[in-house]
Amino acid sequence: MTQPSRPAFRPGPLLEGKRAVVTGGAHGIGAAIARAFAAHGARTLVVDVDTVGDSGELEFDAGAGGSIEVLGHDVRETSVPDAVTAFAPDVLVNNVGHFLRPARPFAETDPDFWAQIGAVNLDHVLRWTRAVLPGMADRGRGGSIVNVTTVEAHRAIPGHSVYAAYKAAVTQFGRSLAVEVGPAGVRVNAIAPDLIESVQVPYTEWLSDEEWAQWPAWAPLGGPGQPDDVAGAALFLASDLSRYTTGTTVHVDGGSFAAGGWFAKPEGGWTNRPRHA
């Protein structure tokens, strides 16, 4: 049987004519994703409790005709604003997530805290996906849902076991949903960042000069990564470049997950038993 011909990819804006919603898009990784989408021609709606003000984080090259609008809203609220469904997005990026507190043993946590972690990491993903999914299917042009998770959805993070559990749930939700909605042309994928400079993880403020020199040991590509690195993966997953990609996770981490606990030694070679000098 002869396969149908497919159009060759063309240079130029990757999201021209698309509409995208990015939750938690006022700062950091979310803002970088919103900028990338708008720069590639998408009309982009940022939803955030912070309405940005004059931060400048959402400035972008408007040459491709894209735009950014901001809607002040806390995604932990139980309702999704009508303005979001009326926006008729082709792309939804569920970016909001947080571990909320410093590490602590699981036995010292309580059900109220578990509920808070669930609200900021999983519950809104279900609500917002459910709100936009019917429209994506009914409009007949498909769509892309991108869930920003974390490397800790795939490996341990002592002291944050509940957070890791909810992030793993987001990953499995997306994987199963991808199979379910694939026939409607809707793709569902995840991005799992690690070692990315962000509002929650400000490496430039945290690390000493001595610690900064350890980047080659922490990740094969060194670091830290930048929000724009995550935005590149989101742009790929939102665009037709990934039209045959669904139910998977893109790890944007400098190779830390692939390394799986192996660390570069200063004298050369690798060890999975790091030791202090």
Protein backbone atom coordinates (compact mmCIF):
# COMPACT_ATOMS: atom_id res chain seq x y z
CA MET A 1 0.00 0.00 0.00
CA THR A 2 1.35 3.38 -0.97
CA GLN A 3 1.79 5.73 1.96
CA PRO A 4 0.18 9.16 1.59
CA SER A 5 2.57 11.96 0.82
CA ARG A 6 3.43 14.30 3.64
CA PRO A 7 4.42 17.95 3.36
CA ALA A 8 8.03 18.81 3.96
CA PHE A 9 8.73 21.00 6.96
CA ARG A 10 9.20 24.63 6.07
CA PRO A 11 11.38 27.23 7.82
CA GLY A 12 9.60 29.99 9.62
CA PRO A 13 7.20 30.31 12.57
CA LEU A 14 6.34 26.91 14.02
CA LEU A 15 3.06 27.93 15.68
CA GLU A 16 1.61 30.39 13.20
CA GLY A 17 -2.18 30.54 13.61
CA LYS A 18 -2.12 28.51 16.84
CA ARG A 19 -3.51 29.49 20.24
CA ALA A 20 -1.71 28.37 23.38
CA VAL A 21 -2.44 28.52 27.11
CA VAL A 22 0.49 28.39 29.54
CA THR A 23 -0.25 28.09 33.25
CA GLY A 24 2.23 29.63 35.65
CA GLY A 25 3.66 31.56 32.75
CA ALA A 26 4.60 34.85 34.40
CA HIS A 27 8.12 33.89 35.40
CA GLY A 28 10.89 31.37 34.91
CA ILE A 29 10.23 28.28 32.81
CA GLY A 30 6.61 29.25 32.10
CA ALA A 31 7.60 32.70 30.88
CA ALA A 32 10.27 31.22 28.63
CA ILE A 33 7.70 28.87 27.10
CA ALA A 34 5.25 31.74 26.54
CA ARG A 35 7.95 33.85 24.89
CA ALA A 36 8.97 31.00 22.60
CA PHE A 37 5.38 30.32 21.56
CA ALA A 38 4.63 33.98 20.83
CA ALA A 39 7.90 34.42 18.96
CA HIS A 40 6.82 31.55 16.72
CA GLY A 41 3.48 33.13 15.89
CA ALA A 42 1.13 31.77 18.55
CA ARG A 43 -1.49 33.85 20.27
CA THR A 44 -0.53 32.95 23.84
CA LEU A 45 -2.58 33.24 27.02
CA VAL A 46 -0.52 33.22 30.22
CA VAL A 47 -2.45 32.26 33.35
CA ASP A 48 -0.79 33.12 36.65
CA VAL A 49 -1.55 34.45 40.12
CA ASP A 50 1.07 37.10 39.31
CA THR A 51 -0.07 39.41 36.55
CA VAL A 52 3.57 40.25 35.74
CA GLY A 53 3.48 44.05 36.09
CA ASP A 54 6.67 45.50 34.62
CA SER A 55 8.93 42.47 35.14
CA GLY A 56 9.81 42.30 31.45
CA GLU A 57 10.00 38.50 31.50
CA LEU A 58 7.36 38.24 28.78
CA GLU A 59 9.07 40.45 26.22
CA PHE A 60 9.54 38.66 22.89
CA ASP A 61 10.26 39.19 19.20
CA ALA A 62 6.84 39.88 17.70
CA GLY A 63 8.00 39.60 14.10
CA ALA A 64 6.05 36.38 13.52
CA GLY A 65 2.76 37.96 14.56
CA GLY A 66 2.33 36.21 17.90
CA SER A 67 1.05 37.83 21.07
CA ILE A 68 0.91 37.34 24.83
CA GLU A 69 -2.10 38.06 27.01
CA VAL A 70 -2.13 37.62 30.78
CA LEU A 71 -5.02 36.33 32.87
CA GLY A 72 -4.72 36.63 36.63
CA HIS A 73 -5.94 33.38 38.16
CA ASP A 74 -4.85 30.75 40.70
CA VAL A 75 -5.06 27.34 39.01
CA ARG A 76 -5.64 25.73 42.41
CA GLU A 77 -9.17 27.16 42.35
CA THR A 78 -11.74 24.50 41.56
CA SER A 79 -13.12 26.23 38.46
CA VAL A 80 -11.43 27.00 35.16
CA PRO A 81 -12.25 30.53 33.89
CA ASP A 82 -14.67 30.70 30.97
CA ALA A 83 -12.12 32.92 29.24
CA VAL A 84 -9.82 29.91 28.90
CA THR A 85 -12.28 27.67 27.09
CA ALA A 86 -13.51 30.63 25.03
CA PHE A 87 -9.89 31.19 23.99
CA ALA A 88 -10.14 27.82 22.18
CA PRO A 89 -6.52 26.73 22.66
CA ASP A 90 -4.74 24.36 20.31
CA VAL A 91 -2.01 23.93 22.93
CA LEU A 92 -2.18 23.65 26.71
CA VAL A 93 0.96 23.70 28.84
CA ASN A 94 0.30 22.62 32.42
CA ASN A 95 3.39 24.23 33.90
CA VAL A 96 2.40 24.95 37.50
CA GLY A 97 4.06 22.82 40.18
CA HIS A 98 5.99 23.18 43.43
CA PHE A 99 7.37 21.10 46.31
CA LEU A 100 6.12 23.87 48.69
CA ARG A 101 8.39 23.17 51.68
CA PRO A 102 11.98 22.19 52.44
CA ALA A 103 12.64 18.47 52.59
CA ARG A 104 11.19 16.63 55.58
CA PRO A 105 10.59 12.97 56.42
CA PHE A 106 7.29 11.60 55.20
CA ALA A 107 6.31 10.59 58.76
CA GLU A 108 6.39 14.27 59.74
CA THR A 109 3.87 15.29 57.07
CA ASP A 110 0.09 15.17 57.39
CA PRO A 111 -3.00 14.80 55.17
CA ASP A 112 -3.52 18.56 54.93
CA PHE A 113 -0.05 18.94 53.45
CA TRP A 114 -0.65 16.02 51.09
CA ALA A 115 -3.76 17.82 49.82
CA GLN A 116 -1.78 21.04 49.28
CA ILE A 117 0.86 19.18 47.31
CA GLY A 118 -1.85 17.49 45.23
CA ALA A 119 -3.57 20.79 44.52
CA VAL A 120 -0.46 22.47 43.14
CA ASN A 121 0.94 19.48 41.25
CA LEU A 122 -1.87 17.21 40.04
CA ASP A 123 -5.43 18.40 40.61
CA HIS A 124 -5.23 21.44 38.32
CA VAL A 125 -3.66 19.33 35.56
CA LEU A 126 -6.78 17.15 35.54
CA ARG A 127 -9.20 20.09 35.67
CA TRP A 128 -7.53 22.19 33.00
CA THR A 129 -7.00 19.27 30.66
CA ARG A 130 -10.63 18.26 31.03
CA ALA A 131 -11.74 21.86 30.34
CA VAL A 132 -9.90 22.26 27.03
CA LEU A 133 -9.87 18.70 25.69
CA PRO A 134 -13.43 18.57 24.28
CA GLY A 135 -12.82 21.74 22.28
CA MET A 136 -9.57 20.42 20.86
CA ALA A 137 -11.35 17.29 19.69
CA ASP A 138 -14.48 19.02 18.41
CA ARG A 139 -12.64 21.63 16.35
CA GLY A 140 -11.11 18.84 14.28
CA ARG A 141 -7.59 20.20 14.08
CA GLY A 142 -6.17 18.21 16.96
CA GLY A 143 -4.05 19.72 19.67
CA SER A 144 -1.13 19.30 22.03
CA ILE A 145 -1.11 19.03 25.81
CA VAL A 146 2.27 19.40 27.49
CA ASN A 147 2.69 18.64 31.18
CA VAL A 148 5.80 20.00 32.86
CA THR A 149 6.80 17.45 35.49
CA THR A 150 10.28 16.85 36.93
CA VAL A 151 13.07 14.32 36.94
CA GLU A 152 11.76 13.33 40.39
CA ALA A 153 8.77 11.74 38.64
CA HIS A 154 11.31 9.12 37.50
CA ARG A 155 13.74 8.83 40.42
CA ALA A 156 13.79 9.25 44.18
CA ILE A 157 13.92 12.56 46.02
CA PRO A 158 14.30 11.92 49.76
CA GLY A 159 12.26 14.30 51.87
CA HIS A 160 9.81 15.03 49.05
CA SER A 161 8.13 11.65 48.59
CA VAL A 162 4.59 13.04 48.28
CA TYR A 163 5.70 15.59 45.69
CA ALA A 164 7.42 12.84 43.70
CA ALA A 165 4.31 10.67 43.87
CA TYR A 166 2.08 13.38 42.44
CA LYS A 167 4.55 14.22 39.68
CA ALA A 168 4.73 10.55 38.74
CA ALA A 169 0.92 10.55 38.65
CA VAL A 170 0.96 13.45 36.18
CA THR A 171 3.33 11.47 33.97
CA GLN A 172 1.18 8.35 34.00
CA PHE A 173 -2.01 10.38 33.50
CA GLY A 174 -0.52 11.92 30.38
CA ARG A 175 0.72 8.60 29.05
CA SER A 176 -2.67 6.93 29.40
CA LEU A 177 -4.59 9.96 28.13
CA ALA A 178 -2.36 10.08 25.04
CA VAL A 179 -3.56 6.64 24.02
CA GLU A 180 -7.16 7.57 24.73
CA VAL A 181 -7.29 10.82 22.75
CA GLY A 182 -4.84 9.99 19.98
CA PRO A 183 -7.64 9.10 17.53
CA ALA A 184 -8.93 12.67 17.92
CA GLY A 185 -5.54 14.04 16.87
CA VAL A 186 -4.67 15.29 20.34
CA ARG A 187 -1.15 14.58 21.54
CA VAL A 188 -0.17 14.44 25.23
CA ASN A 189 3.46 14.57 26.34
CA ALA A 190 5.57 15.63 29.30
CA ILE A 191 8.79 17.51 29.94
CA ALA A 192 10.91 16.49 32.93
CA PRO A 193 13.44 19.21 33.78
CA ASP A 194 16.39 18.92 36.13
CA LEU A 195 19.24 21.28 36.98
CA ILE A 196 17.41 24.23 35.42
CA GLU A 197 17.97 27.72 36.83
CA SER A 198 14.53 28.91 37.92
CA VAL A 199 12.61 30.93 40.48
CA GLN A 200 12.31 27.83 42.66
CA VAL A 201 15.87 26.64 42.10
CA PRO A 202 18.15 29.72 41.82
CA TYR A 203 21.52 28.05 41.44
CA THR A 204 23.34 31.35 40.95
CA GLU A 205 22.22 32.39 44.43
CA TRP A 206 22.65 29.01 46.11
CA LEU A 207 26.06 27.82 44.99
CA SER A 208 29.51 28.85 46.13
CA ASP A 209 32.39 29.20 43.67
CA GLU A 210 33.66 25.81 44.82
CA GLU A 211 30.27 24.20 44.22
CA TRP A 212 29.92 25.95 40.85
CA ALA A 213 33.05 24.18 39.69
CA GLN A 214 31.30 20.83 40.24
CA TRP A 215 28.87 21.19 37.31
CA PRO A 216 30.87 18.86 35.03
CA ALA A 217 30.41 16.13 37.64
CA TRP A 218 26.72 16.77 38.22
CA ALA A 219 25.58 16.45 34.60
CA PRO A 220 27.28 15.28 31.38
CA LEU A 221 26.41 18.58 29.71
CA GLY A 222 27.33 20.67 32.74
CA GLY A 223 25.02 23.41 33.79
CA PRO A 224 22.91 24.90 34.95
CA GLY A 225 20.34 24.66 32.21
CA GLN A 226 18.19 27.69 31.47
CA PRO A 227 14.42 28.14 31.17
CA ASP A 228 14.87 28.61 27.43
CA ASP A 229 16.19 25.03 27.24
CA VAL A 230 12.83 23.77 28.54
CA ALA A 231 11.02 26.18 26.22
CA GLY A 232 12.74 24.58 23.24
CA ALA A 233 11.34 21.19 24.16
CA ALA A 234 7.88 22.70 24.70
CA LEU A 235 8.03 24.36 21.29
CA PHE A 236 8.85 21.04 19.68
CA LEU A 237 5.98 19.27 21.46
CA ALA A 238 3.51 22.05 20.65
CA SER A 239 4.38 22.19 16.95
CA ASP A 240 3.92 19.89 13.99
CA LEU A 241 7.54 18.84 14.38
CA SER A 242 6.22 16.37 16.95
CA ARG A 243 3.07 15.40 15.06
CA TYR A 244 3.86 11.66 15.50
CA THR A 245 5.04 11.93 19.10
CA THR A 246 2.69 11.24 21.99
CA GLY A 247 2.62 9.63 25.41
CA THR A 248 6.29 10.25 26.08
CA THR A 249 8.55 12.38 28.26
CA VAL A 250 11.35 14.67 27.09
CA HIS A 251 14.08 14.91 29.72
CA VAL A 252 15.68 18.37 29.72
CA ASP A 253 18.37 17.84 32.33
CA GLY A 254 21.85 17.96 30.82
CA GLY A 255 21.94 14.17 30.95
CA SER A 256 21.46 13.78 34.71
CA PHE A 257 18.64 11.24 34.42
CA ALA A 258 20.49 9.21 31.80
CA ALA A 259 23.59 9.24 33.99
CA GLY A 260 21.52 7.51 36.66
CA GLY A 261 23.83 8.29 39.56
CA TRP A 262 27.12 8.11 37.67
CA PHE A 263 29.42 11.07 38.26
CA ALA A 264 32.48 12.29 36.36
CA LYS A 265 35.72 12.06 38.35
CA PRO A 266 38.15 15.02 38.24
CA GLU A 267 40.99 12.71 37.22
CA GLY A 268 38.91 11.20 34.41
CA GLY A 269 36.48 8.31 34.19
CA TRP A 270 33.26 7.83 36.13
CA THR A 271 32.11 6.64 39.53
CA ASN A 272 28.77 5.73 41.08
CA ARG A 273 30.35 6.01 44.53
CA PRO A 274 31.14 9.73 44.90
CA ARG A 275 33.33 10.67 47.83
CA HIS A 276 34.49 13.91 49.35
CA ALA A 277 38.12 14.87 48.89
